[in-house]
């Protein structure tokens, strides 16, 4: 017996993973959407996207600091 009502869940694509991680990164995820997305996300993709977004955030901060100071 299937728990999801007979519907098959598809895996989240790269863009959906980026959206889920980015919204979690900025703290704007809703409770229901978070639970639905987490079951579809690949943990390896989440880690990779999280590292990429964190690196982009650090680079952005460095560029802004350089522009303000310089």
PDB file of N, CA and C in Angstrom:
ATOM      1  N   UNK A   1       0.844  -1.178   0.000  1.00  0.00           N
ATOM      2  CA  UNK A   1       0.000   0.000   0.000  1.00  0.00           C
ATOM      3  C   UNK A   1       0.891   1.244   0.000  1.00  0.00           C
ATOM      4  N   UNK A   2       0.581   2.185  -0.860  1.00  0.00           N
ATOM      5  CA  UNK A   2       1.373   3.405  -0.956  1.00  0.00           C
ATOM      6  C   UNK A   2       0.822   4.462  -0.012  1.00  0.00           C
ATOM      7  N   UNK A   3       1.721   5.190   0.653  1.00  0.00           N
ATOM      8  CA  UNK A   3       1.309   6.204   1.609  1.00  0.00           C
ATOM      9  C   UNK A   3       0.939   7.523   0.949  1.00  0.00           C
ATOM     10  N   UNK A   4       1.369   7.735  -0.281  1.00  0.00           N
ATOM     11  CA  UNK A   4       1.150   9.030  -0.920  1.00  0.00           C
ATOM     12  C   UNK A   4      -0.132   9.070  -1.750  1.00  0.00           C
ATOM     13  N   UNK A   5      -1.049   8.184  -1.498  1.00  0.00           N
ATOM     14  CA  UNK A   5      -2.324   8.203  -2.196  1.00  0.00           C
ATOM     15  C   UNK A   5      -2.257   7.668  -3.604  1.00  0.00           C
ATOM     16  N   UNK A   6      -1.230   6.885  -3.928  1.00  0.00           N
ATOM     17  CA  UNK A   6      -1.119   6.288  -5.241  1.00  0.00           C
ATOM     18  C   UNK A   6      -0.307   7.107  -6.217  1.00  0.00           C
ATOM     19  N   UNK A   7      -0.040   8.354  -5.906  1.00  0.00           N
ATOM     20  CA  UNK A   7       0.737   9.207  -6.814  1.00  0.00           C
ATOM     21  C   UNK A   7       2.224   8.949  -6.587  1.00  0.00           C
ATOM     22  N   UNK A   8       2.957   8.887  -7.673  1.00  0.00           N
ATOM     23  CA  UNK A   8       4.396   8.694  -7.536  1.00  0.00           C
ATOM     24  C   UNK A   8       5.071  10.053  -7.440  1.00  0.00           C
ATOM     25  N   UNK A   9       6.023  10.162  -6.524  1.00  0.00           N
ATOM     26  CA  UNK A   9       6.738  11.419  -6.342  1.00  0.00           C
ATOM     27  C   UNK A   9       7.952  11.425  -7.248  1.00  0.00           C
ATOM     28  N   UNK A  10       8.140  12.506  -7.974  1.00  0.00           N
ATOM     29  CA  UNK A  10       9.317  12.625  -8.818  1.00  0.00           C
ATOM     30  C   UNK A  10      10.383  13.381  -8.043  1.00  0.00           C
ATOM     31  N   UNK A  11      11.621  13.140  -8.414  1.00  0.00           N
ATOM     32  CA  UNK A  11      12.737  13.812  -7.772  1.00  0.00           C
ATOM     33  C   UNK A  11      12.785  15.270  -8.223  1.00  0.00           C
ATOM     34  N   UNK A  12      13.227  16.126  -7.340  1.00  0.00           N
ATOM     35  CA  UNK A  12      13.348  17.543  -7.662  1.00  0.00           C
ATOM     36  C   UNK A  12      14.514  17.756  -8.610  1.00  0.00           C
ATOM     37  N   UNK A  13      14.344  18.650  -9.564  1.00  0.00           N
ATOM     38  CA  UNK A  13      15.403  18.996 -10.494  1.00  0.00           C
ATOM     39  C   UNK A  13      16.380  19.981  -9.866  1.00  0.00           C
ATOM     40  N   UNK A  14      17.390  20.360 -10.638  1.00  0.00           N
ATOM     41  CA  UNK A  14      18.427  21.244 -10.127  1.00  0.00           C
ATOM     42  C   UNK A  14      17.861  22.609  -9.745  1.00  0.00           C
ATOM     43  N   UNK A  15      17.012  23.187 -10.602  1.00  0.00           N
ATOM     44  CA  UNK A  15      16.446  24.502 -10.322  1.00  0.00           C
ATOM     45  C   UNK A  15      15.554  24.465  -9.080  1.00  0.00           C
ATOM     46  N   UNK A  16      14.786  23.406  -8.919  1.00  0.00           N
ATOM     47  CA  UNK A  16      13.945  23.273  -7.731  1.00  0.00           C
ATOM     48  C   UNK A  16      14.802  23.138  -6.473  1.00  0.00           C
ATOM     49  N   UNK A  17      15.929  22.435  -6.590  1.00  0.00           N
ATOM     50  CA  UNK A  17      16.839  22.301  -5.458  1.00  0.00           C
ATOM     51  C   UNK A  17      17.442  23.654  -5.096  1.00  0.00           C
ATOM     52  N   UNK A  18      17.832  24.428  -6.106  1.00  0.00           N
ATOM     53  CA  UNK A  18      18.392  25.759  -5.861  1.00  0.00           C
ATOM     54  C   UNK A  18      17.346  26.645  -5.171  1.00  0.00           C
ATOM     55  N   UNK A  19      16.117  26.601  -5.642  1.00  0.00           N
ATOM     56  CA  UNK A  19      15.060  27.403  -5.023  1.00  0.00           C
ATOM     57  C   UNK A  19      14.824  26.995  -3.568  1.00  0.00           C
ATOM     58  N   UNK A  20      14.798  25.694  -3.304  1.00  0.00           N
ATOM     59  CA  UNK A  20      14.561  25.217  -1.943  1.00  0.00           C
ATOM     60  C   UNK A  20      15.700  25.617  -1.011  1.00  0.00           C
ATOM     61  N   UNK A  21      16.937  25.460  -1.471  1.00  0.00           N
ATOM     62  CA  UNK A  21      18.090  25.797  -0.630  1.00  0.00           C
ATOM     63  C   UNK A  21      18.191  27.308  -0.444  1.00  0.00           C
ATOM     64  N   UNK A  22      17.956  28.075  -1.505  1.00  0.00           N
ATOM     65  CA  UNK A  22      18.040  29.534  -1.400  1.00  0.00           C
ATOM     66  C   UNK A  22      16.980  30.077  -0.443  1.00  0.00           C
ATOM     67  N   UNK A  23      15.777  29.576  -0.533  1.00  0.00           N
ATOM     68  CA  UNK A  23      14.738  30.062   0.376  1.00  0.00           C
ATOM     69  C   UNK A  23      15.020  29.630   1.813  1.00  0.00           C
ATOM     70  N   UNK A  24      15.588  28.468   2.006  1.00  0.00           N
ATOM     71  CA  UNK A  24      15.990  28.040   3.348  1.00  0.00           C
ATOM     72  C   UNK A  24      17.160  28.876   3.844  1.00  0.00           C
ATOM     73  N   UNK A  25      18.054  29.221   2.953  1.00  0.00           N
ATOM     74  CA  UNK A  25      19.230  30.021   3.286  1.00  0.00           C
ATOM     75  C   UNK A  25      18.817  31.387   3.830  1.00  0.00           C
ATOM     76  N   UNK A  26      17.761  31.954   3.254  1.00  0.00           N
ATOM     77  CA  UNK A  26      17.288  33.257   3.695  1.00  0.00           C
ATOM     78  C   UNK A  26      16.153  33.169   4.712  1.00  0.00           C
ATOM     79  N   UNK A  27      15.731  31.976   5.063  1.00  0.00           N
ATOM     80  CA  UNK A  27      14.759  31.780   6.127  1.00  0.00           C
ATOM     81  C   UNK A  27      13.333  32.132   5.776  1.00  0.00           C
ATOM     82  N   UNK A  28      12.917  31.903   4.545  1.00  0.00           N
ATOM     83  CA  UNK A  28      11.560  32.257   4.139  1.00  0.00           C
ATOM     84  C   UNK A  28      10.717  31.041   3.778  1.00  0.00           C
ATOM     85  N   UNK A  29      11.124  29.856   4.205  1.00  0.00           N
ATOM     86  CA  UNK A  29      10.384  28.645   3.861  1.00  0.00           C
ATOM     87  C   UNK A  29       9.189  28.475   4.778  1.00  0.00           C
ATOM     88  N   UNK A  30       8.079  28.038   4.198  1.00  0.00           N
ATOM     89  CA  UNK A  30       6.907  27.713   4.992  1.00  0.00           C
ATOM     90  C   UNK A  30       7.000  26.283   5.499  1.00  0.00           C
ATOM     91  N   UNK A  31       6.296  25.978   6.550  1.00  0.00           N
ATOM     92  CA  UNK A  31       6.362  24.650   7.151  1.00  0.00           C
ATOM     93  C   UNK A  31       5.883  23.546   6.221  1.00  0.00           C
ATOM     94  N   UNK A  32       4.744  23.730   5.591  1.00  0.00           N
ATOM     95  CA  UNK A  32       4.180  22.697   4.722  1.00  0.00           C
ATOM     96  C   UNK A  32       5.033  22.494   3.470  1.00  0.00           C
ATOM     97  N   UNK A  33       5.456  23.586   2.850  1.00  0.00           N
ATOM     98  CA  UNK A  33       6.284  23.488   1.643  1.00  0.00           C
ATOM     99  C   UNK A  33       7.610  22.832   1.967  1.00  0.00           C
ATOM    100  N   UNK A  34       8.143  23.121   3.122  1.00  0.00           N
ATOM    101  CA  UNK A  34       9.424  22.547   3.530  1.00  0.00           C
ATOM    102  C   UNK A  34       9.322  21.027   3.643  1.00  0.00           C
ATOM    103  N   UNK A  35       8.277  20.549   4.267  1.00  0.00           N
ATOM    104  CA  UNK A  35       8.108  19.092   4.436  1.00  0.00           C
ATOM    105  C   UNK A  35       7.902  18.395   3.095  1.00  0.00           C
ATOM    106  N   UNK A  36       7.165  19.028   2.191  1.00  0.00           N
ATOM    107  CA  UNK A  36       6.923  18.415   0.889  1.00  0.00           C
ATOM    108  C   UNK A  36       8.194  18.357   0.066  1.00  0.00           C
ATOM    109  N   UNK A  37       8.994  19.404   0.080  1.00  0.00           N
ATOM    110  CA  UNK A  37      10.210  19.453  -0.718  1.00  0.00           C
ATOM    111  C   UNK A  37      11.290  18.522  -0.184  1.00  0.00           C
ATOM    112  N   UNK A  38      11.392  18.408   1.111  1.00  0.00           N
ATOM    113  CA  UNK A  38      12.485  17.634   1.697  1.00  0.00           C
ATOM    114  C   UNK A  38      12.440  16.160   1.282  1.00  0.00           C
ATOM    115  N   UNK A  39      11.274  15.629   1.048  1.00  0.00           N
ATOM    116  CA  UNK A  39      11.182  14.230   0.658  1.00  0.00           C
ATOM    117  C   UNK A  39      11.642  14.006  -0.786  1.00  0.00           C
ATOM    118  N   UNK A  40      11.672  15.055  -1.587  1.00  0.00           N
ATOM    119  CA  UNK A  40      12.045  14.924  -2.996  1.00  0.00           C
ATOM    120  C   UNK A  40      13.497  15.295  -3.269  1.00  0.00           C
ATOM    121  N   UNK A  41      14.148  16.013  -2.359  1.00  0.00           N
ATOM    122  CA  UNK A  41      15.482  16.523  -2.616  1.00  0.00           C
ATOM    123  C   UNK A  41      16.553  15.458  -2.402  1.00  0.00           C
ATOM    124  N   UNK A  42      17.553  15.502  -3.250  1.00  0.00           N
ATOM    125  CA  UNK A  42      18.712  14.624  -3.112  1.00  0.00           C
ATOM    126  C   UNK A  42      19.685  15.295  -2.144  1.00  0.00           C
ATOM    127  N   UNK A  43      20.060  14.633  -1.055  1.00  0.00           N
ATOM    128  CA  UNK A  43      20.937  15.259  -0.063  1.00  0.00           C
ATOM    129  C   UNK A  43      22.274  15.731  -0.636  1.00  0.00           C
ATOM    130  N   UNK A  44      22.831  15.012  -1.575  1.00  0.00           N
ATOM    131  CA  UNK A  44      24.098  15.423  -2.179  1.00  0.00           C
ATOM    132  C   UNK A  44      23.926  16.732  -2.950  1.00  0.00           C
ATOM    133  N   UNK A  45      22.835  16.856  -3.667  1.00  0.00           N
ATOM    134  CA  UNK A  45      22.564  18.088  -4.406  1.00  0.00           C
ATOM    135  C   UNK A  45      22.357  19.261  -3.451  1.00  0.00           C
ATOM    136  N   UNK A  46      21.684  19.008  -2.337  1.00  0.00           N
ATOM    137  CA  UNK A  46      21.449  20.059  -1.350  1.00  0.00           C
ATOM    138  C   UNK A  46      22.777  20.561  -0.784  1.00  0.00           C
ATOM    139  N   UNK A  47      23.694  19.656  -0.487  1.00  0.00           N
ATOM    140  CA  UNK A  47      24.997  20.035   0.047  1.00  0.00           C
ATOM    141  C   UNK A  47      25.781  20.852  -0.982  1.00  0.00           C
ATOM    142  N   UNK A  48      25.795  20.390  -2.216  1.00  0.00           N
ATOM    143  CA  UNK A  48      26.535  21.083  -3.276  1.00  0.00           C
ATOM    144  C   UNK A  48      25.967  22.487  -3.499  1.00  0.00           C
ATOM    145  N   UNK A  49      24.652  22.593  -3.607  1.00  0.00           N
ATOM    146  CA  UNK A  49      24.021  23.896  -3.830  1.00  0.00           C
ATOM    147  C   UNK A  49      24.240  24.801  -2.616  1.00  0.00           C
ATOM    148  N   UNK A  50      24.180  24.250  -1.423  1.00  0.00           N
ATOM    149  CA  UNK A  50      24.417  25.037  -0.220  1.00  0.00           C
ATOM    150  C   UNK A  50      25.819  25.616  -0.183  1.00  0.00           C
ATOM    151  N   UNK A  51      26.810  24.825  -0.557  1.00  0.00           N
ATOM    152  CA  UNK A  51      28.191  25.305  -0.599  1.00  0.00           C
ATOM    153  C   UNK A  51      28.345  26.382  -1.674  1.00  0.00           C
ATOM    154  N   UNK A  52      27.723  26.165  -2.818  1.00  0.00           N
ATOM    155  CA  UNK A  52      27.798  27.155  -3.903  1.00  0.00           C
ATOM    156  C   UNK A  52      27.164  28.483  -3.483  1.00  0.00           C
ATOM    157  N   UNK A  53      25.997  28.432  -2.848  1.00  0.00           N
ATOM    158  CA  UNK A  53      25.332  29.662  -2.423  1.00  0.00           C
ATOM    159  C   UNK A  53      26.105  30.365  -1.312  1.00  0.00           C
ATOM    160  N   UNK A  54      26.686  29.606  -0.399  1.00  0.00           N
ATOM    161  CA  UNK A  54      27.494  30.215   0.664  1.00  0.00           C
ATOM    162  C   UNK A  54      28.723  30.897   0.071  1.00  0.00           C
ATOM    163  N   UNK A  55      29.363  30.262  -0.898  1.00  0.00           N
ATOM    164  CA  UNK A  55      30.528  30.864  -1.550  1.00  0.00           C
ATOM    165  C   UNK A  55      30.124  32.138  -2.301  1.00  0.00           C
ATOM    166  N   UNK A  56      28.997  32.109  -2.984  1.00  0.00           N
ATOM    167  CA  UNK A  56      28.516  33.297  -3.695  1.00  0.00           C
ATOM    168  C   UNK A  56      28.208  34.423  -2.717  1.00  0.00           C
ATOM    169  N   UNK A  57      27.672  34.089  -1.556  1.00  0.00           N
ATOM    170  CA  UNK A  57      27.377  35.088  -0.536  1.00  0.00           C
ATOM    171  C   UNK A  57      28.660  35.742  -0.020  1.00  0.00           C
ATOM    172  N   UNK A  58      29.681  34.942   0.248  1.00  0.00           N
ATOM    173  CA  UNK A  58      30.961  35.468   0.730  1.00  0.00           C
ATOM    174  C   UNK A  58      31.607  36.355  -0.332  1.00  0.00           C
ATOM    175  N   UNK A  59      31.595  35.916  -1.575  1.00  0.00           N
ATOM    176  CA  UNK A  59      32.180  36.711  -2.660  1.00  0.00           C
ATOM    177  C   UNK A  59      31.433  38.036  -2.803  1.00  0.00           C
ATOM    178  N   UNK A  60      30.116  38.008  -2.694  1.00  0.00           N
ATOM    179  CA  UNK A  60      29.325  39.235  -2.773  1.00  0.00           C
ATOM    180  C   UNK A  60      29.688  40.193  -1.643  1.00  0.00           C
ATOM    181  N   UNK A  61      29.824  39.668  -0.425  1.00  0.00           N
ATOM    182  CA  UNK A  61      30.219  40.518   0.698  1.00  0.00           C
ATOM    183  C   UNK A  61      31.594  41.127   0.479  1.00  0.00           C
ATOM    184  N   UNK A  62      32.534  40.345  -0.046  1.00  0.00           N
ATOM    185  CA  UNK A  62      33.863  40.865  -0.308  1.00  0.00           C
ATOM    186  C   UNK A  62      33.828  41.968  -1.375  1.00  0.00           C
ATOM    187  N   UNK A  63      33.065  41.777  -2.417  1.00  0.00           N
ATOM    188  CA  UNK A  63      32.963  42.790  -3.471  1.00  0.00           C
ATOM    189  C   UNK A  63      32.326  44.076  -2.961  1.00  0.00           C
ATOM    190  N   UNK A  64      31.300  43.947  -2.142  1.00  0.00           N
ATOM    191  CA  UNK A  64      30.653  45.130  -1.575  1.00  0.00           C
ATOM    192  C   UNK A  64      31.622  45.861  -0.647  1.00  0.00           C
ATOM    193  N   UNK A  65      32.347  45.128   0.183  1.00  0.00           N
ATOM    194  CA  UNK A  65      33.315  45.750   1.095  1.00  0.00           C
ATOM    195  C   UNK A  65      34.415  46.465   0.319  1.00  0.00           C
ATOM    196  N   UNK A  66      34.901  45.847  -0.756  1.00  0.00           N
ATOM    197  CA  UNK A  66      35.924  46.484  -1.597  1.00  0.00           C
ATOM    198  C   UNK A  66      35.395  47.753  -2.245  1.00  0.00           C
ATOM    199  N   UNK A  67      34.157  47.736  -2.706  1.00  0.00           N
ATOM    200  CA  UNK A  67      33.576  48.907  -3.348  1.00  0.00           C
ATOM    201  C   UNK A  67      33.386  50.049  -2.344  1.00  0.00           C
ATOM    202  N   UNK A  68      33.016  49.723  -1.129  1.00  0.00           N
ATOM    203  CA  UNK A  68      32.798  50.751  -0.116  1.00  0.00           C
ATOM    204  C   UNK A  68      34.127  51.335   0.355  1.00  0.00           C
ATOM    205  N   UNK A  69      35.106  50.484   0.608  1.00  0.00           N
ATOM    206  CA  UNK A  69      36.395  50.938   1.115  1.00  0.00           C
ATOM    207  C   UNK A  69      37.214  51.606   0.023  1.00  0.00           C
ATOM    208  N   UNK A  70      37.186  51.050  -1.167  1.00  0.00           N
ATOM    209  CA  UNK A  70      38.018  51.565  -2.256  1.00  0.00           C
ATOM    210  C   UNK A  70      37.339  52.662  -2.935  1.00  0.00           C
TER     211      UNK A  70
END
